[in-house]
């Protein structure tokens, strides 16, 4: 293992710290974080490639190949179906109780993310992801926020208790692999 790969794993830990300590709505933490490497990361990449074949969404394939050759991947998710009780309507429902009831009914849907989600929890997820990638950037680690990696990790059960997840693969190399790959049209 190279010194760069070891450094990337250290930065992944710092990213997890940044995501954990990022501000949260009303101070309630519903963020879930996992760092994966090796065989678990390989499984995520393979699942992404399989999803591409099943759906025709080629970016899953390209992203899957990138995840497979990354040094580490950090998964950041949120338990967004847990309402805060503010009845703000940001989720599209008149009350948190209505949102929760709709969420129970939607569990059987075959969608990537289970919704509806509390708008404050989704905002918390965005802030946590932003804090994490800022940390990667400060330490010069190439990365890319991937919806596709989060979906695959959820489907594989690698990260549990989340209604939404993003994956952030990390790589130290002479060229940023996340923005150099061509997509089929």
Protein backbone atom coordinates (compact mmCIF):
# COMPACT_ATOMS: atom_id res chain seq x y z
CA UNK A 1 0.00 0.00 0.00
CA UNK A 2 1.36 3.39 -0.98
CA UNK A 3 1.86 6.36 1.30
CA UNK A 4 -0.76 8.20 -0.75
CA UNK A 5 -3.36 5.46 -0.16
CA UNK A 6 -2.69 5.55 3.58
CA UNK A 7 -3.04 9.33 3.54
CA UNK A 8 -6.37 9.04 1.72
CA UNK A 9 -7.66 6.72 4.45
CA UNK A 10 -6.62 9.27 7.06
CA UNK A 11 -8.43 12.01 5.15
CA UNK A 12 -11.53 9.77 4.95
CA UNK A 13 -11.52 9.73 8.74
CA UNK A 14 -11.21 13.51 8.82
CA UNK A 15 -14.09 13.74 6.35
CA UNK A 16 -16.24 11.57 8.63
CA UNK A 17 -15.35 13.92 11.49
CA UNK A 18 -16.31 16.97 9.41
CA UNK A 19 -19.64 15.38 8.45
CA UNK A 20 -20.38 14.40 12.05
CA UNK A 21 -19.65 17.84 13.47
CA UNK A 22 -21.42 19.79 10.69
CA UNK A 23 -24.35 21.89 11.92
CA UNK A 24 -27.68 20.05 12.25
CA UNK A 25 -31.23 21.43 12.37
CA UNK A 26 -32.39 21.90 15.96
CA UNK A 27 -29.20 20.12 17.06
CA UNK A 28 -30.52 16.61 16.30
CA UNK A 29 -28.08 14.32 14.50
CA UNK A 30 -29.61 11.85 12.03
CA UNK A 31 -26.46 11.48 9.91
CA UNK A 32 -25.01 8.00 9.35
CA UNK A 33 -21.43 7.59 8.10
CA UNK A 34 -19.45 4.57 6.86
CA UNK A 35 -15.99 4.37 5.30
CA UNK A 36 -15.46 1.46 2.92
CA UNK A 37 -12.36 0.07 1.22
CA UNK A 38 -11.28 -3.20 -0.35
CA UNK A 39 -13.92 -5.88 -0.94
CA UNK A 40 -16.84 -3.78 0.29
CA UNK A 41 -15.88 -0.98 -2.07
CA UNK A 42 -15.48 -3.51 -4.91
CA UNK A 43 -19.02 -4.80 -4.19
CA UNK A 44 -20.41 -1.28 -4.44
CA UNK A 45 -18.67 -0.70 -7.77
CA UNK A 46 -19.93 -4.01 -9.16
CA UNK A 47 -23.48 -3.24 -8.00
CA UNK A 48 -23.31 0.15 -9.72
CA UNK A 49 -22.26 -1.53 -12.98
CA UNK A 50 -25.14 -4.01 -12.62
CA UNK A 51 -27.62 -1.17 -12.04
CA UNK A 52 -26.35 0.49 -15.22
CA UNK A 53 -26.98 -2.70 -17.21
CA UNK A 54 -30.49 -3.03 -15.73
CA UNK A 55 -31.54 0.60 -16.15
CA UNK A 56 -29.54 1.87 -19.11
CA UNK A 57 -28.19 4.74 -16.99
CA UNK A 58 -24.58 4.66 -18.17
CA UNK A 59 -23.30 7.03 -15.47
CA UNK A 60 -23.80 4.19 -12.96
CA UNK A 61 -21.32 2.11 -15.00
CA UNK A 62 -18.75 4.89 -15.28
CA UNK A 63 -19.11 5.78 -11.60
CA UNK A 64 -18.91 2.08 -10.67
CA UNK A 65 -15.62 1.68 -12.48
CA UNK A 66 -14.30 4.76 -10.68
CA UNK A 67 -15.40 3.46 -7.26
CA UNK A 68 -13.66 0.13 -7.91
CA UNK A 69 -10.27 1.82 -8.42
CA UNK A 70 -10.63 4.40 -5.64
CA UNK A 71 -8.54 4.30 -2.49
CA UNK A 72 -11.58 4.61 -0.21
CA UNK A 73 -15.24 5.61 -0.35
CA UNK A 74 -17.10 7.46 2.35
CA UNK A 75 -20.85 6.94 2.58
CA UNK A 76 -22.93 9.67 4.19
CA UNK A 77 -26.64 9.17 4.70
CA UNK A 78 -29.54 10.44 6.72
CA UNK A 79 -32.58 9.00 8.43
CA UNK A 80 -34.74 11.59 6.68
CA UNK A 81 -38.10 10.01 7.35
CA UNK A 82 -37.86 11.03 11.01
CA UNK A 83 -39.85 14.26 11.27
CA UNK A 84 -38.80 17.06 13.59
CA UNK A 85 -42.36 18.02 14.54
CA UNK A 86 -42.13 21.55 13.16
CA UNK A 87 -45.05 21.17 10.70
CA UNK A 88 -43.28 23.55 8.29
CA UNK A 89 -44.64 22.00 5.08
CA UNK A 90 -41.21 21.87 3.41
CA UNK A 91 -41.67 18.17 2.65
CA UNK A 92 -44.88 18.87 0.75
CA UNK A 93 -47.23 17.76 3.51
CA UNK A 94 -49.30 19.93 5.86
CA UNK A 95 -47.88 18.30 8.96
CA UNK A 96 -45.07 16.04 10.12
CA UNK A 97 -47.69 13.45 11.03
CA UNK A 98 -48.96 13.42 7.42
CA UNK A 99 -45.39 13.08 6.12
CA UNK A 100 -44.72 10.13 8.42
CA UNK A 101 -47.98 8.45 7.39
CA UNK A 102 -47.12 8.90 3.69
CA UNK A 103 -43.67 7.45 4.33
CA UNK A 104 -45.10 4.28 5.84
CA UNK A 105 -47.35 3.87 2.78
CA UNK A 106 -44.41 4.48 0.39
CA UNK A 107 -42.12 1.78 1.87
CA UNK A 108 -43.23 -0.71 -0.80
CA UNK A 109 -42.25 1.62 -3.67
CA UNK A 110 -39.30 0.46 -5.79
CA UNK A 111 -37.50 3.79 -5.76
CA UNK A 112 -33.85 4.55 -5.05
CA UNK A 113 -34.66 6.67 -2.02
CA UNK A 114 -37.51 6.17 0.40
CA UNK A 115 -39.54 9.30 0.92
CA UNK A 116 -40.93 11.62 1.77
CA UNK A 117 -38.03 13.10 3.70
CA UNK A 118 -37.98 15.94 6.19
CA UNK A 119 -36.54 18.97 4.41
CA UNK A 120 -34.42 19.80 7.44
CA UNK A 121 -32.90 16.29 7.48
CA UNK A 122 -32.14 16.52 3.75
CA UNK A 123 -30.52 19.91 4.38
CA UNK A 124 -28.46 18.36 7.20
CA UNK A 125 -27.28 15.69 4.73
CA UNK A 126 -26.24 18.36 2.23
CA UNK A 127 -24.31 20.31 4.84
CA UNK A 128 -22.58 17.14 6.09
CA UNK A 129 -21.60 16.12 2.54
CA UNK A 130 -20.37 19.64 1.80
CA UNK A 131 -18.28 19.68 4.98
CA UNK A 132 -16.78 16.30 4.07
CA UNK A 133 -15.77 17.24 0.52
CA UNK A 134 -14.39 20.56 1.75
CA UNK A 135 -12.12 18.53 4.02
CA UNK A 136 -11.04 16.32 1.10
CA UNK A 137 -10.29 19.42 -0.96
CA UNK A 138 -8.22 21.02 1.81
CA UNK A 139 -6.08 17.86 1.85
CA UNK A 140 -5.81 17.62 -1.97
CA UNK A 141 -7.71 14.33 -2.27
CA UNK A 142 -9.64 13.92 -5.51
CA UNK A 143 -13.28 13.09 -4.90
CA UNK A 144 -16.74 13.22 -6.38
CA UNK A 145 -20.16 13.17 -4.75
CA UNK A 146 -22.09 10.24 -6.24
CA UNK A 147 -25.78 9.58 -5.88
CA UNK A 148 -25.12 6.30 -7.72
CA UNK A 149 -22.67 5.00 -5.10
CA UNK A 150 -25.12 5.80 -2.32
CA UNK A 151 -27.94 3.94 -4.07
CA UNK A 152 -25.75 0.86 -4.59
CA UNK A 153 -24.56 0.90 -0.95
CA UNK A 154 -28.15 1.10 0.27
CA UNK A 155 -29.27 -1.75 -1.97
CA UNK A 156 -26.39 -3.90 -0.73
CA UNK A 157 -27.21 -3.12 2.91
CA UNK A 158 -23.72 -1.73 3.52
CA UNK A 159 -25.19 1.36 5.18
CA UNK A 160 -28.37 0.90 7.18
CA UNK A 161 -31.05 3.14 8.64
CA UNK A 162 -30.90 5.74 5.88
CA UNK A 163 -33.57 7.04 3.55
CA UNK A 164 -30.95 8.85 1.42
CA UNK A 165 -27.22 8.23 0.93
CA UNK A 166 -24.41 9.75 -1.10
CA UNK A 167 -21.10 8.03 -1.76
CA UNK A 168 -17.87 9.98 -2.08
CA UNK A 169 -15.03 7.95 -3.60
CA UNK A 170 -11.51 9.21 -2.90
CA UNK A 171 -8.32 8.83 -4.91
CA UNK A 172 -4.76 10.13 -4.85
CA UNK A 173 -3.25 9.96 -8.33
CA UNK A 174 -1.62 12.14 -10.95
CA UNK A 175 -4.94 12.70 -12.73
CA UNK A 176 -8.43 13.22 -11.32
CA UNK A 177 -10.16 9.99 -12.38
CA UNK A 178 -13.63 11.33 -11.57
CA UNK A 179 -13.64 13.99 -14.24
CA UNK A 180 -11.54 12.35 -16.94
CA UNK A 181 -13.86 9.43 -17.85
CA UNK A 182 -15.95 9.61 -21.01
CA UNK A 183 -19.66 8.69 -20.92
CA UNK A 184 -21.54 6.92 -23.69
CA UNK A 185 -24.34 8.93 -25.27
